[in-house]
Amino acid sequence: MIPVTRPYLPEMSRYLEYISRCYENCQLTNNGPMVQELKARLEDYLSVKNLLPVANGTLALQIAYKALGVSGKAVTTPFSFVATSSSLKWERIEPVFADINEKTLNLCPEKTNEVLDQDVTALVPVHVYGNPCDVGTFDQIAEDHGLKVIYDAAHAFGVRLDGRSILQWGDAATLSFHATKVFHTVEGGAIVFKKKEDYERACRLINFGYEKGEVVDEGINAKMSEFHAAMGLCMLDEIETVLQKRREVHYRYYDALKEHFEMPLWMEGATRNYGYFPVLFPSEDALLQTQKRLNEAGIFPRRYFYPSLETLGYCRPSGRNLISMDRARRVLCLPIYPRLSLDMQEKIVSIMFSSKKSRDGGMMATRPKIEVIEK
């Protein structure tokens, strides 16, 4: 079976070296030395300050909202993973959906302005597929209206915009270190805060509200364990290898499919981490036909992100976000991970083309053969 992604596991011998340190320290949680080391190395690698490791990417969002005092309503995108909206609902913040840009698939600033009202206290844009959204405009909207900005950067580990880490924008940016991500700690996440005082409050919040042995805030347990941090340190040792292999897989797809399938428009000046390979089909029927053929061959792409979140029963529709609803029906993410073989990519592309050819009545030109091209 070929899934949409497969976790990268670093060399076991290297991981065991980190685990042996956990045994030597005999501290398994509560901001132990491994978590502290991971924090320092991530801040250096990502070119950020005030980075707080946490137990997972959903808690990262919830802690960010709490630390920044978000309440009432928050404007966000309907085109994302469900955690973007469910994390708001868990914190009793009403998600207000604005439509997306038809090319980038990111939250549209103009549509965001249209749904603002006096109860909105924050914006929660998402860097969808790691593609940076219009951070300059969103930060300006927030300044004009006195709003907080929390960027859901779950897909954007290591991405830079105009030479700067994408995590440097907004009041906070959150990361997911789930096993399926480019960088992972098996389960985990992090928050990057602009202001040190927000970071310091979040440090209390993730540890039951404790500070110097006393409960001074309404906290919860969102701490990262030493064993999870050990995996993160091990992954950082090999992250450049991971990115290079993903890059090779990405460009093999891209060179074979770019003339025949629509893909999201990437933000000018932004780097990639090759976390996803989304393809847009001309219709939902076309997508479902191709997905069926791939499934029959033991290949399981995913409909990231489907459905459009405003259609979920616990969300209150805020207008009809027609672009999001349309793109959610037509987008399919192909398998991409470091150990995806050239032969399997050939098979995936062949099925994509044969399905398209049958829809086009056999009029499509012969597809190019996948080749390894250095980029």
Protein backbone atom coordinates (compact mmCIF):
# COMPACT_ATOMS: atom_id res chain seq x y z
CA MET A 1 0.00 0.00 0.00
CA ILE A 2 1.22 3.50 -0.87
CA PRO A 3 -0.23 6.11 1.53
CA VAL A 4 -0.31 9.86 0.92
CA THR A 5 2.66 10.17 3.27
CA ARG A 6 4.87 7.96 5.38
CA PRO A 7 6.77 9.17 8.45
CA TYR A 8 10.51 9.56 8.10
CA LEU A 9 12.32 7.57 10.76
CA PRO A 10 15.95 8.56 11.41
CA GLU A 11 18.70 6.05 12.04
CA MET A 12 17.72 3.95 15.06
CA SER A 13 21.25 3.96 16.45
CA ARG A 14 21.22 7.76 16.52
CA TYR A 15 17.80 7.86 18.16
CA LEU A 16 18.94 5.39 20.81
CA GLU A 17 21.86 7.69 21.64
CA TYR A 18 19.36 10.42 22.50
CA ILE A 19 17.13 7.97 24.37
CA SER A 20 20.08 6.82 26.46
CA ARG A 21 20.46 10.42 27.60
CA CYS A 22 16.83 10.36 28.76
CA TYR A 23 17.64 7.32 30.87
CA GLU A 24 20.76 8.98 32.25
CA ASN A 25 18.91 12.19 33.14
CA CYS A 26 15.88 10.29 34.51
CA GLN A 27 13.71 13.33 33.76
CA LEU A 28 10.97 12.44 31.33
CA THR A 29 8.93 15.65 31.20
CA ASN A 30 8.53 19.12 32.83
CA ASN A 31 10.82 21.06 30.50
CA GLY A 32 13.71 18.64 30.74
CA PRO A 33 17.13 19.03 29.12
CA MET A 34 16.08 17.41 25.83
CA VAL A 35 13.15 19.80 25.41
CA GLN A 36 15.42 22.73 26.24
CA GLU A 37 17.98 21.58 23.69
CA LEU A 38 15.31 21.10 21.04
CA LYS A 39 13.95 24.60 21.70
CA ALA A 40 17.42 26.14 21.31
CA ARG A 41 18.23 24.22 18.14
CA LEU A 42 14.86 24.98 16.56
CA GLU A 43 15.19 28.69 17.31
CA ASP A 44 18.58 28.64 15.61
CA TYR A 45 17.46 26.55 12.62
CA LEU A 46 14.24 28.53 12.07
CA SER A 47 15.76 31.96 12.83
CA VAL A 48 13.18 32.80 15.51
CA LYS A 49 12.94 33.69 19.20
CA ASN A 50 10.40 32.79 21.88
CA LEU A 51 9.72 29.28 20.56
CA LEU A 52 7.76 27.05 22.93
CA PRO A 53 7.62 23.27 22.30
CA VAL A 54 4.23 21.72 23.14
CA ALA A 55 2.49 18.35 23.03
CA ASN A 56 0.85 18.76 19.61
CA GLY A 57 -0.09 21.27 16.94
CA THR A 58 -3.73 21.61 18.00
CA LEU A 59 -2.77 22.52 21.55
CA ALA A 60 -0.29 24.98 20.04
CA LEU A 61 -3.22 26.87 18.52
CA GLN A 62 -5.31 26.71 21.70
CA ILE A 63 -2.46 27.92 23.92
CA ALA A 64 -1.74 30.76 21.47
CA TYR A 65 -5.36 31.93 21.61
CA LYS A 66 -5.37 31.80 25.41
CA ALA A 67 -2.00 33.51 25.82
CA LEU A 68 -3.05 36.34 23.50
CA GLY A 69 -6.48 36.80 25.08
CA VAL A 70 -8.51 35.94 21.99
CA SER A 71 -12.26 35.83 22.58
CA GLY A 72 -15.55 36.34 20.76
CA LYS A 73 -14.89 35.62 17.10
CA ALA A 74 -11.87 34.97 14.89
CA VAL A 75 -11.73 35.16 11.10
CA THR A 76 -10.15 32.12 9.51
CA THR A 77 -10.12 30.04 6.35
CA PRO A 78 -12.58 27.27 5.50
CA PHE A 79 -9.85 25.57 3.42
CA SER A 80 -7.66 23.85 5.99
CA PHE A 81 -7.39 20.82 8.24
CA VAL A 82 -10.24 20.56 10.74
CA ALA A 83 -8.02 21.47 13.72
CA THR A 84 -7.90 25.10 12.57
CA SER A 85 -11.61 25.52 13.29
CA SER A 86 -12.05 22.91 16.05
CA SER A 87 -9.29 24.51 18.14
CA LEU A 88 -11.26 27.77 18.06
CA LYS A 89 -14.50 26.05 19.02
CA TRP A 90 -12.81 24.28 21.95
CA GLU A 91 -11.75 27.67 23.25
CA ARG A 92 -15.33 28.99 22.79
CA ILE A 93 -14.20 31.30 20.01
CA GLU A 94 -16.56 31.44 17.03
CA PRO A 95 -14.79 30.80 13.71
CA VAL A 96 -15.93 33.26 11.05
CA PHE A 97 -15.04 31.95 7.61
CA ALA A 98 -13.89 34.16 4.76
CA ASP A 99 -13.30 32.81 1.27
CA ILE A 100 -9.93 31.95 -0.23
CA ASN A 101 -7.88 33.22 -3.16
CA GLU A 102 -8.74 31.16 -6.23
CA LYS A 103 -5.08 30.69 -7.23
CA THR A 104 -3.11 30.35 -3.98
CA LEU A 105 -5.93 28.67 -1.98
CA ASN A 106 -4.99 30.82 1.01
CA LEU A 107 -7.35 33.07 2.98
CA CYS A 108 -8.25 36.15 0.93
CA PRO A 109 -7.54 39.51 2.66
CA GLU A 110 -10.33 41.30 0.79
CA LYS A 111 -12.89 38.68 1.83
CA THR A 112 -11.54 38.88 5.38
CA ASN A 113 -12.29 42.60 5.51
CA GLU A 114 -15.87 41.90 4.41
CA VAL A 115 -16.69 39.72 7.44
CA LEU A 116 -15.10 41.82 10.19
CA ASP A 117 -17.39 43.05 12.95
CA GLN A 118 -17.02 44.37 16.51
CA ASP A 119 -16.90 40.85 18.00
CA VAL A 120 -13.88 39.76 15.96
CA THR A 121 -10.71 39.87 18.06
CA ALA A 122 -8.28 37.87 15.93
CA LEU A 123 -7.30 36.60 12.50
CA VAL A 124 -6.19 32.98 12.05
CA PRO A 125 -4.84 32.61 8.50
CA VAL A 126 -3.22 29.36 7.39
CA HIS A 127 -0.13 28.89 5.23
CA VAL A 128 -1.88 26.17 3.23
CA TYR A 129 0.49 23.42 2.03
CA GLY A 130 3.30 25.58 3.43
CA ASN A 131 2.52 28.30 0.87
CA PRO A 132 2.79 31.65 2.70
CA CYS A 133 -0.37 33.72 2.73
CA ASP A 134 -0.36 37.49 2.30
CA VAL A 135 1.23 38.18 5.68
CA GLY A 136 1.90 41.85 5.02
CA THR A 137 -1.75 42.60 4.28
CA PHE A 138 -3.08 40.52 7.18
CA ASP A 139 -0.73 42.21 9.63
CA GLN A 140 -1.92 45.59 8.32
CA ILE A 141 -5.60 44.60 8.67
CA ALA A 142 -4.88 43.56 12.25
CA GLU A 143 -3.14 46.84 13.03
CA ASP A 144 -5.97 48.87 11.51
CA HIS A 145 -8.64 47.06 13.55
CA GLY A 146 -6.78 46.25 16.77
CA LEU A 147 -6.77 42.48 16.17
CA LYS A 148 -4.38 39.70 17.12
CA VAL A 149 -2.91 37.52 14.35
CA ILE A 150 -2.16 33.85 14.91
CA TYR A 151 -0.76 32.15 11.82
CA ASP A 152 -1.46 28.44 11.57
CA ALA A 153 1.90 27.39 10.14
CA ALA A 154 1.39 23.66 10.68
CA HIS A 155 2.46 22.97 7.09
CA ALA A 156 5.22 25.58 6.88
CA PHE A 157 8.21 24.23 8.81
CA GLY A 158 11.38 25.92 7.53
CA VAL A 159 9.63 28.04 4.89
CA ARG A 160 11.07 31.49 4.30
CA LEU A 161 9.58 34.53 2.60
CA ASP A 162 11.93 37.11 1.11
CA GLY A 163 14.74 35.63 3.18
CA ARG A 164 12.84 35.74 6.51
CA SER A 165 11.29 32.86 8.40
CA ILE A 166 7.55 32.82 7.78
CA LEU A 167 7.21 32.34 11.55
CA GLN A 168 8.35 35.92 12.18
CA TRP A 169 5.01 37.42 11.14
CA GLY A 170 1.99 37.92 13.39
CA ASP A 171 1.61 37.90 17.16
CA ALA A 172 2.16 34.14 17.09
CA ALA A 173 2.71 31.32 14.63
CA THR A 174 2.03 27.67 15.40
CA LEU A 175 3.72 24.53 14.13
CA SER A 176 2.67 20.88 14.06
CA PHE A 177 5.30 18.20 14.64
CA HIS A 178 2.90 15.33 13.91
CA ALA A 179 4.46 12.18 12.45
CA THR A 180 3.14 13.00 8.97
CA LYS A 181 4.90 16.38 8.82
CA VAL A 182 8.22 17.26 7.14
CA PHE A 183 9.74 17.61 10.61
CA HIS A 184 8.22 15.61 13.43
CA THR A 185 8.59 14.56 17.05
CA VAL A 186 6.11 11.67 16.58
CA GLU A 187 3.51 13.91 18.25
CA GLY A 188 4.28 17.50 19.07
CA GLY A 189 4.15 21.11 18.05
CA ALA A 190 5.46 24.56 18.88
CA ILE A 191 4.40 28.19 19.16
CA VAL A 192 6.55 31.14 18.15
CA PHE A 193 5.58 34.41 19.87
CA LYS A 194 6.49 37.92 18.79
CA LYS A 195 6.52 39.26 22.37
CA LYS A 196 8.42 37.73 25.26
CA GLU A 197 5.60 38.43 27.73
CA ASP A 198 3.19 36.36 25.62
CA TYR A 199 5.75 33.56 25.49
CA GLU A 200 6.20 33.69 29.26
CA ARG A 201 2.45 33.47 29.87
CA ALA A 202 2.25 30.48 27.51
CA CYS A 203 5.03 28.77 29.49
CA ARG A 204 2.75 28.95 32.52
CA LEU A 205 -0.34 27.88 30.62
CA ILE A 206 1.18 24.62 29.35
CA ASN A 207 2.16 23.61 32.91
CA PHE A 208 -1.18 23.94 34.74
CA GLY A 209 -0.62 27.66 35.31
CA TYR A 210 2.36 27.13 37.62
CA GLU A 211 5.11 29.69 38.14
CA LYS A 212 7.77 29.24 40.82
CA GLY A 213 5.75 26.48 42.45
CA GLU A 214 2.47 28.40 42.67
CA VAL A 215 -0.60 28.39 40.44
CA VAL A 216 -0.90 31.91 39.05
CA ASP A 217 -2.88 31.32 35.83
CA GLU A 218 -5.57 29.02 34.43
CA GLY A 219 -3.41 26.38 32.82
CA ILE A 220 -3.56 22.95 31.26
CA ASN A 221 -1.03 20.21 30.53
CA ALA A 222 0.42 20.77 27.06
CA LYS A 223 4.07 19.95 27.75
CA MET A 224 6.30 18.03 25.35
CA SER A 225 7.99 14.94 26.79
CA GLU A 226 11.70 14.18 26.71
CA PHE A 227 11.21 11.14 24.47
CA HIS A 228 9.35 13.22 21.90
CA ALA A 229 12.04 15.89 22.06
CA ALA A 230 14.64 13.16 21.49
CA MET A 231 12.97 12.25 18.20
CA GLY A 232 12.92 15.94 17.26
CA LEU A 233 16.64 16.30 17.92
CA CYS A 234 17.31 13.20 15.86
CA MET A 235 15.15 14.54 13.01
CA LEU A 236 17.00 17.86 13.07
CA ASP A 237 20.25 15.94 12.58
CA GLU A 238 18.84 14.59 9.30
CA ILE A 239 16.47 17.36 8.21
CA GLU A 240 18.53 18.44 5.19
CA THR A 241 18.47 14.87 3.88
CA VAL A 242 14.70 14.75 4.39
CA LEU A 243 14.18 18.02 2.51
CA GLN A 244 16.46 17.02 -0.37
CA LYS A 245 14.67 13.70 -0.89
CA ARG A 246 11.27 15.39 -0.74
CA ARG A 247 12.51 17.96 -3.22
CA GLU A 248 13.46 15.23 -5.68
CA VAL A 249 10.04 13.59 -5.39
CA HIS A 250 8.31 16.98 -5.81
CA TYR A 251 10.14 17.89 -8.99
CA ARG A 252 9.64 14.49 -10.56
CA TYR A 253 5.90 15.05 -10.18
CA TYR A 254 6.10 18.69 -11.20
CA ASP A 255 8.05 18.10 -14.40
CA ALA A 256 5.69 15.33 -15.48
CA LEU A 257 2.39 17.03 -14.57
CA LYS A 258 2.88 20.80 -14.87
CA GLU A 259 1.61 21.06 -18.46
CA HIS A 260 -1.44 18.91 -17.86
CA PHE A 261 -2.79 19.60 -14.35
CA GLU A 262 -3.54 22.79 -12.43
CA MET A 263 -1.58 23.41 -9.22
CA PRO A 264 -1.83 26.16 -6.59
CA LEU A 265 0.09 29.36 -7.32
CA TRP A 266 3.08 29.68 -4.98
CA MET A 267 3.81 32.98 -3.21
CA GLU A 268 6.55 34.92 -5.00
CA GLY A 269 9.74 35.05 -2.95
CA ALA A 270 8.82 32.03 -0.81
CA THR A 271 10.78 28.80 -0.42
CA ARG A 272 9.18 25.35 -0.21
CA ASN A 273 9.52 22.45 2.19
CA TYR A 274 7.86 19.96 -0.20
CA GLY A 275 5.37 18.76 2.39
CA TYR A 276 2.45 18.28 -0.02
CA PHE A 277 1.83 17.84 -3.73
CA PRO A 278 -1.72 19.12 -4.46
CA VAL A 279 -3.30 18.78 -7.92
CA LEU A 280 -6.58 20.39 -9.00
CA PHE A 281 -8.93 18.42 -11.24
CA PRO A 282 -11.44 20.03 -13.63
CA SER A 283 -14.35 18.55 -11.64
CA GLU A 284 -15.11 16.45 -8.58
CA ASP A 285 -16.19 13.58 -10.83
CA ALA A 286 -12.79 13.64 -12.55
CA LEU A 287 -11.07 13.56 -9.16
CA LEU A 288 -13.18 10.66 -7.92
CA GLN A 289 -12.56 8.62 -11.08
CA THR A 290 -8.80 9.08 -10.76
CA GLN A 291 -8.84 8.44 -7.02
CA LYS A 292 -10.72 5.19 -7.63
CA ARG A 293 -8.13 4.00 -10.16
CA LEU A 294 -5.29 4.87 -7.81
CA ASN A 295 -6.99 3.09 -4.89
CA GLU A 296 -7.48 -0.02 -7.03
CA ALA A 297 -3.73 -0.02 -7.59
CA GLY A 298 -3.03 0.22 -3.85
CA ILE A 299 -2.25 3.96 -3.95
CA PHE A 300 -4.06 6.24 -1.50
CA PRO A 301 -3.84 9.98 -2.11
CA ARG A 302 -5.86 12.25 0.18
CA ARG A 303 -8.41 14.97 -0.36
CA TYR A 304 -6.55 17.66 1.55
CA PHE A 305 -8.57 19.69 2.38
CA TYR A 306 -12.10 18.35 2.10
CA PRO A 307 -14.76 19.30 2.90
CA SER A 308 -14.77 23.08 3.14
CA LEU A 309 -14.92 23.62 6.91
CA GLU A 310 -18.02 25.80 6.93
CA THR A 311 -20.03 22.71 5.95
CA LEU A 312 -19.23 20.92 9.24
CA GLY A 313 -22.21 20.62 11.54
CA TYR A 314 -20.68 22.46 14.50
CA CYS A 315 -19.66 25.49 12.43
CA ARG A 316 -21.95 28.42 11.70
CA PRO A 317 -21.90 29.30 7.97
CA SER A 318 -20.80 32.89 7.40
CA GLY A 319 -21.81 33.46 3.81
CA ARG A 320 -21.15 31.07 0.97
CA ASN A 321 -17.45 30.63 0.40
CA LEU A 322 -17.83 29.45 -3.16
CA ILE A 323 -14.15 29.30 -4.05
CA SER A 324 -13.27 27.20 -1.01
CA MET A 325 -16.19 24.85 -1.62
CA ASP A 326 -15.20 24.44 -5.26
CA ARG A 327 -11.47 23.89 -4.64
CA ALA A 328 -12.14 21.49 -1.77
CA ARG A 329 -14.13 19.31 -4.14
CA ARG A 330 -11.42 19.34 -6.82
CA VAL A 331 -8.08 19.08 -4.99
CA LEU A 332 -6.17 15.84 -4.42
CA CYS A 333 -2.78 15.51 -2.71
CA LEU A 334 -0.54 12.86 -4.24
CA PRO A 335 1.75 10.62 -2.18
CA ILE A 336 4.98 12.40 -1.26
CA TYR A 337 7.61 11.24 1.21
CA PRO A 338 11.41 10.70 1.12
CA ARG A 339 11.34 6.98 0.37
CA LEU A 340 8.76 7.09 -2.42
CA SER A 341 10.47 5.21 -5.25
CA LEU A 342 10.90 6.37 -8.83
CA ASP A 343 9.02 3.27 -10.05
CA MET A 344 6.05 4.05 -7.84
CA GLN A 345 5.99 7.65 -9.02
CA GLU A 346 5.97 6.35 -12.59
CA LYS A 347 2.94 4.24 -11.72
CA ILE A 348 1.10 7.13 -10.06
CA VAL A 349 1.74 9.48 -12.97
CA SER A 350 0.76 6.78 -15.47
CA ILE A 351 -2.60 6.29 -13.76
CA MET A 352 -3.13 10.06 -13.61
CA PHE A 353 -2.54 10.32 -17.34
CA SER A 354 -4.55 7.27 -18.33
CA SER A 355 -7.50 8.57 -16.34
CA LYS A 356 -7.19 12.00 -17.95
CA LYS A 357 -6.85 10.45 -21.37
CA SER A 358 -10.04 8.46 -20.96
CA ARG A 359 -11.90 11.62 -19.89
CA ASP A 360 -10.51 13.54 -22.87
CA GLY A 361 -11.60 10.86 -25.31
CA GLY A 362 -8.10 9.62 -26.04
CA MET A 363 -6.99 12.96 -27.49
CA MET A 364 -4.24 13.71 -24.95
CA ALA A 365 -0.62 13.64 -26.02
CA THR A 366 1.71 10.98 -24.65
CA ARG A 367 2.97 11.92 -21.23
CA PRO A 368 6.69 12.59 -20.64
CA LYS A 369 8.69 9.91 -18.84
CA ILE A 370 9.68 10.82 -15.29
CA GLU A 371 13.35 11.62 -15.00
CA VAL A 372 15.49 12.60 -12.03
CA ILE A 373 16.33 16.25 -12.65
CA GLU A 374 18.43 18.21 -10.19
CA LYS A 375 16.86 21.52 -9.20
